[in-house]
Structures are given as structure tokens and as C-alpha cells.
PDB file of N, CA and C in Angstrom:
ATOM      1  N   MET A   1     -11.716-250.170  14.079  1.00  0.00           N
ATOM      2  CA  MET A   1     -12.146-249.564  12.843  1.00  0.00           C
ATOM      3  C   MET A   1     -11.554-250.287  11.634  1.00  0.00           C
ATOM      4  N   LYS A   2     -10.251-250.654  11.717  1.00  0.00           N
ATOM      5  CA  LYS A   2      -9.607-251.351  10.622  1.00  0.00           C
ATOM      6  C   LYS A   2     -10.258-252.717  10.396  1.00  0.00           C
ATOM      7  N   LYS A   3     -10.630-253.407  11.497  1.00  0.00           N
ATOM      8  CA  LYS A   3     -11.262-254.711  11.375  1.00  0.00           C
ATOM      9  C   LYS A   3     -12.615-254.579  10.685  1.00  0.00           C
ATOM     10  N   LEU A   4     -13.365-253.553  11.048  1.00  0.00           N
ATOM     11  CA  LEU A   4     -14.667-253.332  10.442  1.00  0.00           C
ATOM     12  C   LEU A   4     -14.524-253.028   8.958  1.00  0.00           C
ATOM     13  N   LEU A   5     -13.557-252.203   8.603  1.00  0.00           N
ATOM     14  CA  LEU A   5     -13.321-251.860   7.206  1.00  0.00           C
ATOM     15  C   LEU A   5     -12.880-253.089   6.411  1.00  0.00           C
ATOM     16  N   SER A   6     -12.001-253.910   6.999  1.00  0.00           N
ATOM     17  CA  SER A   6     -11.545-255.105   6.295  1.00  0.00           C
ATOM     18  C   SER A   6     -12.687-256.109   6.147  1.00  0.00           C
ATOM     19  N   LEU A   7     -13.591-256.178   7.122  1.00  0.00           N
ATOM     20  CA  LEU A   7     -14.755-257.062   7.032  1.00  0.00           C
ATOM     21  C   LEU A   7     -15.691-256.602   5.917  1.00  0.00           C
ATOM     22  N   VAL A   8     -15.906-255.316   5.810  1.00  0.00           N
ATOM     23  CA  VAL A   8     -16.774-254.773   4.756  1.00  0.00           C
ATOM     24  C   VAL A   8     -16.165-255.040   3.377  1.00  0.00           C
ATOM     25  N   VAL A   9     -14.869-254.826   3.236  1.00  0.00           N
ATOM     26  CA  VAL A   9     -14.195-255.041   1.949  1.00  0.00           C
ATOM     27  C   VAL A   9     -14.242-256.520   1.563  1.00  0.00           C
ATOM     28  N   SER A  10     -13.978-257.409   2.528  1.00  0.00           N
ATOM     29  CA  SER A  10     -13.984-258.844   2.216  1.00  0.00           C
ATOM     30  C   SER A  10     -15.402-259.328   1.894  1.00  0.00           C
ATOM     31  N   THR A  11     -16.403-258.778   2.556  1.00  0.00           N
ATOM     32  CA  THR A  11     -17.792-259.130   2.257  1.00  0.00           C
ATOM     33  C   THR A  11     -18.175-258.660   0.859  1.00  0.00           C
ATOM     34  N   ALA A  12     -17.749-257.472   0.479  1.00  0.00           N
ATOM     35  CA  ALA A  12     -18.038-256.958  -0.858  1.00  0.00           C
ATOM     36  C   ALA A  12     -17.338-257.812  -1.921  1.00  0.00           C
ATOM     37  N   ALA A  13     -16.098-258.227  -1.647  1.00  0.00           N
ATOM     38  CA  ALA A  13     -15.357-259.057  -2.594  1.00  0.00           C
ATOM     39  C   ALA A  13     -16.030-260.424  -2.743  1.00  0.00           C
ATOM     40  N   LEU A  14     -16.478-260.984  -1.637  1.00  0.00           N
ATOM     41  CA  LEU A  14     -17.166-262.266  -1.677  1.00  0.00           C
ATOM     42  C   LEU A  14     -18.477-262.145  -2.459  1.00  0.00           C
ATOM     43  N   GLY A  15     -19.199-261.076  -2.237  1.00  0.00           N
ATOM     44  CA  GLY A  15     -20.445-260.857  -2.973  1.00  0.00           C
ATOM     45  C   GLY A  15     -20.201-260.721  -4.466  1.00  0.00           C
ATOM     46  N   ALA A  16     -19.135-260.043  -4.839  1.00  0.00           N
ATOM     47  CA  ALA A  16     -18.809-259.891  -6.260  1.00  0.00           C
ATOM     48  C   ALA A  16     -18.457-261.237  -6.881  1.00  0.00           C
ATOM     49  N   CYS A  17     -17.701-262.055  -6.135  1.00  0.00           N
ATOM     50  CA  CYS A  17     -17.351-263.384  -6.647  1.00  0.00           C
ATOM     51  C   CYS A  17     -18.586-264.251  -6.821  1.00  0.00           C
ATOM     52  N   LEU A  18     -19.484-264.211  -5.853  1.00  0.00           N
ATOM     53  CA  LEU A  18     -20.691-265.020  -5.948  1.00  0.00           C
ATOM     54  C   LEU A  18     -21.587-264.560  -7.092  1.00  0.00           C
ATOM     55  N   SER A  19     -21.692-263.254  -7.275  1.00  0.00           N
ATOM     56  CA  SER A  19     -22.542-262.777  -8.369  1.00  0.00           C
ATOM     57  C   SER A  19     -21.913-263.111  -9.721  1.00  0.00           C
ATOM     58  N   PHE A  20     -20.599-263.081  -9.815  1.00  0.00           N
ATOM     59  CA  PHE A  20     -19.937-263.470 -11.056  1.00  0.00           C
ATOM     60  C   PHE A  20     -20.166-264.952 -11.330  1.00  0.00           C
ATOM     61  N   GLY A  21     -20.060-265.774 -10.277  1.00  0.00           N
ATOM     62  CA  GLY A  21     -20.293-267.206 -10.427  1.00  0.00           C
ATOM     63  C   GLY A  21     -21.712-267.496 -10.881  1.00  0.00           C
ATOM     64  N   ALA A  22     -22.681-266.786 -10.328  1.00  0.00           N
ATOM     65  CA  ALA A  22     -24.070-266.989 -10.726  1.00  0.00           C
ATOM     66  C   ALA A  22     -24.289-266.551 -12.169  1.00  0.00           C
ATOM     67  N   ALA A  23     -23.681-265.440 -12.546  1.00  0.00           N
ATOM     68  CA  ALA A  23     -23.819-264.967 -13.929  1.00  0.00           C
ATOM     69  C   ALA A  23     -23.154-265.944 -14.890  1.00  0.00           C
ATOM     70  N   HIS A  24     -22.012-266.477 -14.486  1.00  0.00           N
ATOM     71  CA  HIS A  24     -21.315-267.446 -15.330  1.00  0.00           C
ATOM     72  C   HIS A  24     -22.147-268.723 -15.474  1.00  0.00           C
ATOM     73  N   ALA A  25     -22.772-269.166 -14.394  1.00  0.00           N
ATOM     74  CA  ALA A  25     -23.613-270.362 -14.449  1.00  0.00           C
ATOM     75  C   ALA A  25     -24.823-270.127 -15.351  1.00  0.00           C
ATOM     76  N   GLN A  26     -25.394-268.922 -15.302  1.00  0.00           N
ATOM     77  CA  GLN A  26     -26.528-268.610 -16.169  1.00  0.00           C
ATOM     78  C   GLN A  26     -26.089-268.596 -17.625  1.00  0.00           C
ATOM     79  N   ASP A  27     -24.889-268.082 -17.907  1.00  0.00           N
ATOM     80  CA  ASP A  27     -24.380-268.082 -19.279  1.00  0.00           C
ATOM     81  C   ASP A  27     -24.204-269.505 -19.785  1.00  0.00           C
ATOM     82  N   LYS A  28     -23.656-270.388 -18.936  1.00  0.00           N
ATOM     83  CA  LYS A  28     -23.478-271.780 -19.328  1.00  0.00           C
ATOM     84  C   LYS A  28     -24.828-272.438 -19.571  1.00  0.00           C
ATOM     85  N   ALA A  29     -25.799-272.170 -18.712  1.00  0.00           N
ATOM     86  CA  ALA A  29     -27.121-272.769 -18.871  1.00  0.00           C
ATOM     87  C   ALA A  29     -27.786-272.265 -20.147  1.00  0.00           C
ATOM     88  N   ALA A  30     -27.564-271.026 -20.481  1.00  0.00           N
ATOM     89  CA  ALA A  30     -28.174-270.462 -21.685  1.00  0.00           C
ATOM     90  C   ALA A  30     -27.526-271.025 -22.948  1.00  0.00           C
ATOM     91  N   THR A  31     -26.220-271.307 -22.903  1.00  0.00           N
ATOM     92  CA  THR A  31     -25.546-271.810 -24.090  1.00  0.00           C
ATOM     93  C   THR A  31     -25.571-273.325 -24.181  1.00  0.00           C
ATOM     94  N   ALA A  32     -25.835-274.030 -23.111  1.00  0.00           N
ATOM     95  CA  ALA A  32     -25.819-275.490 -23.143  1.00  0.00           C
ATOM     96  C   ALA A  32     -26.825-276.068 -24.136  1.00  0.00           C
ATOM     97  N   PRO A  33     -28.084-275.651 -24.137  1.00  0.00           N
ATOM     98  CA  PRO A  33     -28.994-276.214 -25.116  1.00  0.00           C
ATOM     99  C   PRO A  33     -28.601-275.870 -26.547  1.00  0.00           C
ATOM    100  N   ALA A  34     -28.027-274.726 -26.758  1.00  0.00           N
ATOM    101  CA  ALA A  34     -27.638-274.341 -28.114  1.00  0.00           C
ATOM    102  C   ALA A  34     -26.523-275.232 -28.633  1.00  0.00           C
ATOM    103  N   THR A  35     -25.597-275.643 -27.759  1.00  0.00           N
ATOM    104  CA  THR A  35     -24.532-276.510 -28.209  1.00  0.00           C
ATOM    105  C   THR A  35     -24.976-277.961 -28.242  1.00  0.00           C
ATOM    106  N   ALA A  36     -25.951-278.321 -27.467  1.00  0.00           N
ATOM    107  CA  ALA A  36     -26.414-279.705 -27.458  1.00  0.00           C
ATOM    108  C   ALA A  36     -27.283-280.003 -28.665  1.00  0.00           C
ATOM    109  N   ALA A  37     -28.004-279.046 -29.169  1.00  0.00           N
ATOM    110  CA  ALA A  37     -28.916-279.286 -30.282  1.00  0.00           C
ATOM    111  C   ALA A  37     -28.202-279.748 -31.545  1.00  0.00           C
ATOM    112  N   PRO A  38     -27.097-279.132 -31.971  1.00  0.00           N
ATOM    113  CA  PRO A  38     -26.455-279.618 -33.188  1.00  0.00           C
ATOM    114  C   PRO A  38     -25.872-281.011 -33.051  1.00  0.00           C
ATOM    115  N   THR A  39     -25.528-281.432 -31.832  1.00  0.00           N
ATOM    116  CA  THR A  39     -24.955-282.750 -31.674  1.00  0.00           C
ATOM    117  C   THR A  39     -26.000-283.845 -31.652  1.00  0.00           C
ATOM    118  N   ALA A  40     -27.257-283.499 -31.489  1.00  0.00           N
ATOM    119  CA  ALA A  40     -28.305-284.510 -31.507  1.00  0.00           C
ATOM    120  C   ALA A  40     -28.389-285.101 -32.904  1.00  0.00           C
ATOM    121  N   SER A  41     -28.578-286.408 -32.956  1.00  0.00           N
ATOM    122  CA  SER A  41     -28.602-287.052 -34.262  1.00  0.00           C
ATOM    123  C   SER A  41     -29.853-286.685 -35.037  1.00  0.00           C
ATOM    124  N   ALA A  42     -29.729-286.718 -36.327  1.00  0.00           N
ATOM    125  CA  ALA A  42     -30.880-286.428 -37.180  1.00  0.00           C
ATOM    126  C   ALA A  42     -31.926-287.511 -37.035  1.00  0.00           C
ATOM    127  N   ALA A  43     -31.480-288.725 -36.732  1.00  0.00           N
ATOM    128  CA  ALA A  43     -32.436-289.809 -36.514  1.00  0.00           C
ATOM    129  C   ALA A  43     -33.317-289.492 -35.314  1.00  0.00           C
ATOM    130  N   GLY A  44     -32.732-288.840 -34.302  1.00  0.00           N
ATOM    131  CA  GLY A  44     -33.504-288.462 -33.118  1.00  0.00           C
ATOM    132  C   GLY A  44     -34.624-287.519 -33.478  1.00  0.00           C
ATOM    133  N   ALA A  45     -34.371-286.582 -34.376  1.00  0.00           N
ATOM    134  CA  ALA A  45     -35.411-285.637 -34.788  1.00  0.00           C
ATOM    135  C   ALA A  45     -36.522-286.370 -35.529  1.00  0.00           C
ATOM    136  N   GLY A  46     -36.148-287.282 -36.419  1.00  0.00           N
ATOM    137  CA  GLY A  46     -37.147-288.054 -37.156  1.00  0.00           C
ATOM    138  C   GLY A  46     -37.909-288.983 -36.236  1.00  0.00           C
ATOM    139  N   CYS A  47     -37.215-289.589 -35.305  1.00  0.00           N
ATOM    140  CA  CYS A  47     -37.861-290.508 -34.368  1.00  0.00           C
ATOM    141  C   CYS A  47     -38.789-289.760 -33.415  1.00  0.00           C
ATOM    142  N   GLU A  48     -38.392-288.557 -33.011  1.00  0.00           N
ATOM    143  CA  GLU A  48     -39.267-287.780 -32.125  1.00  0.00           C
ATOM    144  C   GLU A  48     -40.549-287.385 -32.839  1.00  0.00           C
ATOM    145  N   ALA A  49     -40.449-287.151 -34.126  1.00  0.00           N
ATOM    146  CA  ALA A  49     -41.644-286.805 -34.894  1.00  0.00           C
ATOM    147  C   ALA A  49     -42.581-288.006 -34.995  1.00  0.00           C
ATOM    148  N   LYS A  50     -42.015-289.203 -34.991  1.00  0.00           N
ATOM    149  CA  LYS A  50     -42.816-290.424 -35.089  1.00  0.00           C
ATOM    150  C   LYS A  50     -43.348-290.898 -33.735  1.00  0.00           C
ATOM    151  N   ALA A  51     -42.925-290.255 -32.645  1.00  0.00           N
ATOM    152  CA  ALA A  51     -43.282-290.699 -31.292  1.00  0.00           C
ATOM    153  C   ALA A  51     -44.705-290.293 -30.925  1.00  0.00           C
ATOM    154  N   VAL A  52     -45.677-291.037 -31.447  1.00  0.00           N
ATOM    155  CA  VAL A  52     -47.093-290.795 -31.136  1.00  0.00           C
ATOM    156  C   VAL A  52     -47.728-292.111 -30.724  1.00  0.00           C
ATOM    157  N   ASP A  53     -48.769-292.036 -29.890  1.00  0.00           N
ATOM    158  CA  ASP A  53     -49.450-293.252 -29.475  1.00  0.00           C
ATOM    159  C   ASP A  53     -50.495-293.656 -30.507  1.00  0.00           C
ATOM    160  N   LYS A  54     -51.235-294.707 -30.225  1.00  0.00           N
ATOM    161  CA  LYS A  54     -52.194-295.221 -31.206  1.00  0.00           C
ATOM    162  C   LYS A  54     -53.357-294.268 -31.448  1.00  0.00           C
ATOM    163  N   ASN A  55     -53.569-293.313 -30.550  1.00  0.00           N
ATOM    164  CA  ASN A  55     -54.633-292.324 -30.727  1.00  0.00           C
ATOM    165  C   ASN A  55     -54.145-291.057 -31.427  1.00  0.00           C
ATOM    166  N   GLY A  56     -52.863-291.019 -31.770  1.00  0.00           N
ATOM    167  CA  GLY A  56     -52.306-289.865 -32.466  1.00  0.00           C
ATOM    168  C   GLY A  56     -51.768-288.779 -31.561  1.00  0.00           C
ATOM    169  N   LYS A  57     -51.788-289.003 -30.239  1.00  0.00           N
ATOM    170  CA  LYS A  57     -51.252-288.011 -29.301  1.00  0.00           C
ATOM    171  C   LYS A  57     -49.751-288.228 -29.139  1.00  0.00           C
ATOM    172  N   ALA A  58     -49.022-287.153 -28.949  1.00  0.00           N
ATOM    173  CA  ALA A  58     -47.567-287.228 -28.783  1.00  0.00           C
ATOM    174  C   ALA A  58     -47.221-287.957 -27.493  1.00  0.00           C
ATOM    175  N   LEU A  59     -46.212-288.825 -27.568  1.00  0.00           N
ATOM    176  CA  LEU A  59     -45.735-289.507 -26.370  1.00  0.00           C
ATOM    177  C   LEU A  59     -44.966-288.525 -25.495  1.00  0.00           C
ATOM    178  N   ALA A  60     -44.894-288.818 -24.203  1.00  0.00           N
ATOM    179  CA  ALA A  60     -44.170-287.958 -23.275  1.00  0.00           C
ATOM    180  C   ALA A  60     -43.459-288.817 -22.241  1.00  0.00           C
ATOM    181  N   GLY A  61     -42.458-288.253 -21.610  1.00  0.00           N
ATOM    182  CA  GLY A  61     -41.765-288.901 -20.506  1.00  0.00           C
ATOM    183  C   GLY A  61     -41.008-290.152 -20.905  1.00  0.00           C
ATOM    184  N   ALA A  62     -41.129-291.181 -20.055  1.00  0.00           N
ATOM    185  CA  ALA A  62     -40.390-292.425 -20.256  1.00  0.00           C
ATOM    186  C   ALA A  62     -40.815-293.144 -21.530  1.00  0.00           C
ATOM    187  N   ALA A  63     -42.089-293.090 -21.870  1.00  0.00           N
ATOM    188  CA  ALA A  63     -42.571-293.748 -23.091  1.00  0.00           C
ATOM    189  C   ALA A  63     -41.905-293.133 -24.320  1.00  0.00           C
ATOM    190  N   LYS A  64     -41.793-291.800 -24.338  1.00  0.00           N
ATOM    191  CA  LYS A  64     -41.164-291.119 -25.468  1.00  0.00           C
ATOM    192  C   LYS A  64     -39.676-291.456 -25.531  1.00  0.00           C
ATOM    193  N   ALA A  65     -39.012-291.423 -24.384  1.00  0.00           N
ATOM    194  CA  ALA A  65     -37.574-291.718 -24.340  1.00  0.00           C
ATOM    195  C   ALA A  65     -37.305-293.134 -24.825  1.00  0.00           C
ATOM    196  N   SER A  66     -38.117-294.076 -24.390  1.00  0.00           N
ATOM    197  CA  SER A  66     -37.957-295.461 -24.806  1.00  0.00           C
ATOM    198  C   SER A  66     -38.176-295.622 -26.303  1.00  0.00           C
ATOM    199  N   PHE A  67     -39.221-294.996 -26.819  1.00  0.00           N
ATOM    200  CA  PHE A  67     -39.519-295.081 -28.244  1.00  0.00           C
ATOM    201  C   PHE A  67     -38.390-294.490 -29.082  1.00  0.00           C
ATOM    202  N   VAL A  68     -37.913-293.322 -28.702  1.00  0.00           N
ATOM    203  CA  VAL A  68     -36.852-292.651 -29.466  1.00  0.00           C
ATOM    204  C   VAL A  68     -35.573-293.478 -29.443  1.00  0.00           C
ATOM    205  N   LYS A  69     -35.233-294.036 -28.288  1.00  0.00           N
ATOM    206  CA  LYS A  69     -34.030-294.860 -28.174  1.00  0.00           C
ATOM    207  C   LYS A  69     -34.134-296.082 -29.087  1.00  0.00           C
ATOM    208  N   LYS A  70     -35.274-296.752 -29.071  1.00  0.00           N
ATOM    209  CA  LYS A  70     -35.478-297.935 -29.911  1.00  0.00           C
ATOM    210  C   LYS A  70     -35.446-297.559 -31.394  1.00  0.00           C
ATOM    211  N   CYS A  71     -36.081-296.458 -31.738  1.00  0.00           N
ATOM    212  CA  CYS A  71     -36.145-296.008 -33.125  1.00  0.00           C
ATOM    213  C   CYS A  71     -34.745-295.678 -33.657  1.00  0.00           C
ATOM    214  N   GLU A  72     -33.942-294.967 -32.866  1.00  0.00           N
ATOM    215  CA  GLU A  72     -32.583-294.617 -33.281  1.00  0.00           C
ATOM    216  C   GLU A  72     -31.718-295.857 -33.447  1.00  0.00           C
ATOM    217  N   LYS A  73     -31.881-296.832 -32.549  1.00  0.00           N
ATOM    218  CA  LYS A  73     -31.109-298.070 -32.638  1.00  0.00           C
ATOM    219  C   LYS A  73     -31.470-298.821 -33.919  1.00  0.00           C
ATOM    220  N   GLU A  74     -32.751-298.875 -34.237  1.00  0.00           N
ATOM    221  CA  GLU A  74     -33.193-299.566 -35.454  1.00  0.00           C
ATOM    222  C   GLU A  74     -32.696-298.847 -36.710  1.00  0.00           C
ATOM    223  N   ALA A  75     -32.722-297.520 -36.689  1.00  0.00           N
ATOM    224  CA  ALA A  75     -32.257-296.754 -37.846  1.00  0.00           C
ATOM    225  C   ALA A  75     -30.766-296.975 -38.070  1.00  0.00           C
ATOM    226  N   LYS A  76     -30.014-297.032 -36.994  1.00  0.00           N
ATOM    227  CA  LYS A  76     -28.570-297.231 -37.102  1.00  0.00           C
ATOM    228  C   LYS A  76     -28.263-298.635 -37.615  1.00  0.00           C
ATOM    229  N   SER A  77     -28.963-299.635 -37.085  1.00  0.00           N
ATOM    230  CA  SER A  77     -28.683-301.009 -37.505  1.00  0.00           C
ATOM    231  C   SER A  77     -29.133-301.255 -38.937  1.00  0.00           C
ATOM    232  N   ALA A  78     -30.145-300.538 -39.412  1.00  0.00           N
ATOM    233  CA  ALA A  78     -30.605-300.693 -40.786  1.00  0.00           C
ATOM    234  C   ALA A  78     -29.593-300.113 -41.773  1.00  0.00           C
ATOM    235  N   ALA A  79     -28.883-299.083 -41.364  1.00  0.00           N
ATOM    236  CA  ALA A  79     -27.919-298.422 -42.255  1.00  0.00           C
ATOM    237  C   ALA A  79     -26.564-299.115 -42.262  1.00  0.00           C
ATOM    238  N   ALA A  80     -26.254-299.906 -41.240  1.00  0.00           N
ATOM    239  CA  ALA A  80     -24.924-300.499 -41.105  1.00  0.00           C
ATOM    240  C   ALA A  80     -24.516-301.379 -42.287  1.00  0.00           C
ATOM    241  N   PRO A  81     -25.344-302.295 -42.774  1.00  0.00           N
ATOM    242  CA  PRO A  81     -24.889-303.142 -43.897  1.00  0.00           C
ATOM    243  C   PRO A  81     -24.604-302.334 -45.170  1.00  0.00           C
ATOM    244  N   ALA A  82     -25.428-301.364 -45.472  1.00  0.00           N
ATOM    245  CA  ALA A  82     -25.214-300.547 -46.661  1.00  0.00           C
ATOM    246  C   ALA A  82     -23.926-299.732 -46.530  1.00  0.00           C
ATOM    247  N   CYS A  83     -23.680-299.214 -45.352  1.00  0.00           N
ATOM    248  CA  CYS A  83     -22.471-298.417 -45.134  1.00  0.00           C
ATOM    249  C   CYS A  83     -21.222-299.302 -45.170  1.00  0.00           C
ATOM    250  N   ALA A  84     -21.315-300.503 -44.634  1.00  0.00           N
ATOM    251  CA  ALA A  84     -20.165-301.404 -44.629  1.00  0.00           C
ATOM    252  C   ALA A  84     -19.750-301.757 -46.061  1.00  0.00           C
ATOM    253  N   ALA A  85     -20.716-301.889 -46.948  1.00  0.00           N
ATOM    254  CA  ALA A  85     -20.409-302.200 -48.335  1.00  0.00           C
ATOM    255  C   ALA A  85     -19.713-301.034 -49.029  1.00  0.00           C
ATOM    256  N   LYS A  86     -19.978-299.825 -48.599  1.00  0.00           N
ATOM    257  CA  LYS A  86     -19.387-298.637 -49.202  1.00  0.00           C
ATOM    258  C   LYS A  86     -18.038-298.254 -48.584  1.00  0.00           C
ATOM    259  N   ALA A  87     -17.632-298.932 -47.512  1.00  0.00           N
ATOM    260  CA  ALA A  87     -16.424-298.557 -46.764  1.00  0.00           C
ATOM    261  C   ALA A  87     -15.162-299.053 -47.475  1.00  0.00           C
ATOM    262  N   VAL A  88     -14.840-298.440 -48.601  1.00  0.00           N
ATOM    263  CA  VAL A  88     -13.630-298.782 -49.355  1.00  0.00           C
ATOM    264  C   VAL A  88     -12.877-297.504 -49.691  1.00  0.00           C
ATOM    265  N   ASP A  89     -11.563-297.628 -49.831  1.00  0.00           N
ATOM    266  CA  ASP A  89     -10.767-296.450 -50.184  1.00  0.00           C
ATOM    267  C   ASP A  89     -10.780-296.244 -51.698  1.00  0.00           C
ATOM    268  N   LYS A  90     -10.019-295.286 -52.180  1.00  0.00           N
ATOM    269  CA  LYS A  90     -10.036-294.947 -53.614  1.00  0.00           C
ATOM    270  C   LYS A  90      -9.437-296.048 -54.487  1.00  0.00           C
ATOM    271  N   ASN A  91      -8.672-296.947 -53.869  1.00  0.00           N
ATOM    272  CA  ASN A  91      -8.077-298.056 -54.625  1.00  0.00           C
ATOM    273  C   ASN A  91      -8.939-299.315 -54.576  1.00  0.00           C
ATOM    274  N   GLY A  92     -10.068-299.245 -53.912  1.00  0.00           N
ATOM    275  CA  GLY A  92     -10.963-300.392 -53.828  1.00  0.00           C
ATOM    276  C   GLY A  92     -10.699-301.319 -52.663  1.00  0.00           C
ATOM    277  N   LYS A  93      -9.736-300.975 -51.807  1.00  0.00           N
ATOM    278  CA  LYS A  93      -9.446-301.801 -50.634  1.00  0.00           C
ATOM    279  C   LYS A  93     -10.376-301.417 -49.496  1.00  0.00           C
ATOM    280  N   ALA A  94     -10.754-302.400 -48.679  1.00  0.00           N
ATOM    281  CA  ALA A  94     -11.641-302.152 -47.542  1.00  0.00           C
ATOM    282  C   ALA A  94     -10.957-301.246 -46.518  1.00  0.00           C
ATOM    283  N   LEU A  95     -11.714-300.305 -45.979  1.00  0.00           N
ATOM    284  CA  LEU A  95     -11.190-299.444 -44.923  1.00  0.00           C
ATOM    285  C   LEU A  95     -11.035-300.253 -43.646  1.00  0.00           C
ATOM    286  N   ALA A  96     -10.112-299.818 -42.786  1.00  0.00           N
ATOM    287  CA  ALA A  96      -9.896-300.495 -41.511  1.00  0.00           C
ATOM    288  C   ALA A  96      -9.577-299.468 -40.437  1.00  0.00           C
ATOM    289  N   GLY A  97      -9.776-299.847 -39.202  1.00  0.00           N
ATOM    290  CA  GLY A  97      -9.411-299.022 -38.051  1.00  0.00           C
ATOM    291  C   GLY A  97     -10.182-297.729 -37.948  1.00  0.00           C
ATOM    292  N   ALA A  98      -9.457-296.656 -37.651  1.00  0.00           N
ATOM    293  CA  ALA A  98     -10.076-295.356 -37.431  1.00  0.00           C
ATOM    294  C   ALA A  98     -10.760-294.824 -38.682  1.00  0.00           C
ATOM    295  N   ALA A  99     -10.182-295.098 -39.837  1.00  0.00           N
ATOM    296  CA  ALA A  99     -10.788-294.637 -41.093  1.00  0.00           C
ATOM    297  C   ALA A  99     -12.159-295.274 -41.291  1.00  0.00           C
ATOM    298  N   LYS A 100     -12.254-296.573 -41.009  1.00  0.00           N
ATOM    299  CA  LYS A 100     -13.535-297.271 -41.149  1.00  0.00           C
ATOM    300  C   LYS A 100     -14.543-296.753 -40.121  1.00  0.00           C
ATOM    301  N   ASN A 101     -14.091-296.588 -38.882  1.00  0.00           N
ATOM    302  CA  ASN A 101     -14.987-296.095 -37.829  1.00  0.00           C
ATOM    303  C   ASN A 101     -15.535-294.720 -38.184  1.00  0.00           C
ATOM    304  N   SER A 102     -14.671-293.853 -38.668  1.00  0.00           N
ATOM    305  CA  SER A 102     -15.087-292.504 -39.044  1.00  0.00           C
ATOM    306  C   SER A 102     -16.074-292.551 -40.209  1.00  0.00           C
ATOM    307  N   PHE A 103     -15.772-293.353 -41.216  1.00  0.00           N
ATOM    308  CA  PHE A 103     -16.650-293.468 -42.371  1.00  0.00           C
ATOM    309  C   PHE A 103     -18.012-294.025 -41.965  1.00  0.00           C
ATOM    310  N   MET A 104     -18.010-295.069 -41.136  1.00  0.00           N
ATOM    311  CA  MET A 104     -19.276-295.694 -40.710  1.00  0.00           C
ATOM    312  C   MET A 104     -20.127-294.705 -39.919  1.00  0.00           C
ATOM    313  N   LYS A 105     -19.491-293.948 -39.041  1.00  0.00           N
ATOM    314  CA  LYS A 105     -20.225-292.979 -38.231  1.00  0.00           C
ATOM    315  C   LYS A 105     -20.885-291.931 -39.128  1.00  0.00           C
ATOM    316  N   LYS A 106     -20.126-291.399 -40.092  1.00  0.00           N
ATOM    317  CA  LYS A 106     -20.669-290.387 -40.995  1.00  0.00           C
ATOM    318  C   LYS A 106     -21.748-290.976 -41.895  1.00  0.00           C
ATOM    319  N   CYS A 107     -21.513-292.156 -42.417  1.00  0.00           N
ATOM    320  CA  CYS A 107     -22.472-292.802 -43.309  1.00  0.00           C
ATOM    321  C   CYS A 107     -23.792-293.081 -42.590  1.00  0.00           C
ATOM    322  N   GLU A 108     -23.707-293.594 -41.364  1.00  0.00           N
ATOM    323  CA  GLU A 108     -24.920-293.889 -40.604  1.00  0.00           C
ATOM    324  C   GLU A 108     -25.679-292.621 -40.249  1.00  0.00           C
ATOM    325  N   ALA A 109     -24.943-291.547 -39.949  1.00  0.00           N
ATOM    326  CA  ALA A 109     -25.597-290.276 -39.642  1.00  0.00           C
ATOM    327  C   ALA A 109     -26.301-289.729 -40.881  1.00  0.00           C
ATOM    328  N   ASP A 110     -25.629-289.830 -42.041  1.00  0.00           N
ATOM    329  CA  ASP A 110     -26.241-289.371 -43.290  1.00  0.00           C
ATOM    330  C   ASP A 110     -27.465-290.210 -43.636  1.00  0.00           C
ATOM    331  N   ALA A 111     -27.388-291.517 -43.404  1.00  0.00           N
ATOM    332  CA  ALA A 111     -28.523-292.396 -43.699  1.00  0.00           C
ATOM    333  C   ALA A 111     -29.696-292.077 -42.791  1.00  0.00           C
ATOM    334  N   ALA A 112     -29.401-291.710 -41.548  1.00  0.00           N
ATOM    335  CA  ALA A 112     -30.464-291.379 -40.604  1.00  0.00           C
ATOM    336  C   ALA A 112     -31.158-290.074 -40.987  1.00  0.00           C
ATOM    337  N   LYS A 113     -30.406-289.139 -41.583  1.00  0.00           N
ATOM    338  CA  LYS A 113     -30.993-287.865 -42.014  1.00  0.00           C
ATOM    339  C   LYS A 113     -32.001-288.072 -43.135  1.00  0.00           C
ATOM    340  N   GLY A 114     -31.595-288.832 -44.113  1.00  0.00           N
ATOM    341  CA  GLY A 114     -32.426-288.941 -45.310  1.00  0.00           C
ATOM    342  C   GLY A 114     -33.111-290.224 -45.360  1.00  0.00           C
TER     343      GLY A 114
END
């Protein structure tokens, strides 16, 4: 009788753990797109809007992914020279190291937005 009772209790505990794990996985899946959306670059949004074929239909699948990747790369490289010219501190000296990297990243993201 004790073995049967301990088996029932352990089965119930295992079921509770599995249901908690499934609920936790569903919560992560539900929040993952919400956290991924703000991190997507603004250039990606603009490039996705431009992702149409010669007939005006929206691209899909690998063609869309390739187009968006190329478009974002071109947008970033177009903004780099302008941002590099602006990468100076308040005393007029050129930024270097982490400060320059941070400034370039922000400048390129801002250029991609507008």
C-alpha cells in the first residue's frame, strides 16, 4: 500500500513539473517575439517594405531574406562615411575605441531609420 501511495504521489509531482515546464515554455514563446521586435533594426523594416518583385508582389522565403540582408548591408555601408566624419568628442578630437564603436553603431542605426 505504501509503495502504491508513493508511486501515485511521485507521478502527481512529475505531472506538475511537466505542466509547469510546458507553461513556462509557452510563456517564453509568447514573449520572445515581443522582445525580438524592438531589437530589429529600423533598416530591416524599411528594407522589408521594399522587398517586392518586378511585378509588385511581395517577396517571400529565401528571396526575401536575401534581399533584406543585402539592403541592410548597403544602408549600413552608405551611412558609415557620414558617421565617421561626425565621430568627434566635444573638444574636436576623433573618437577611438569603445566610444567610437558605440557612436558609429548609434549613428548608423539613426541613419537607417530616417
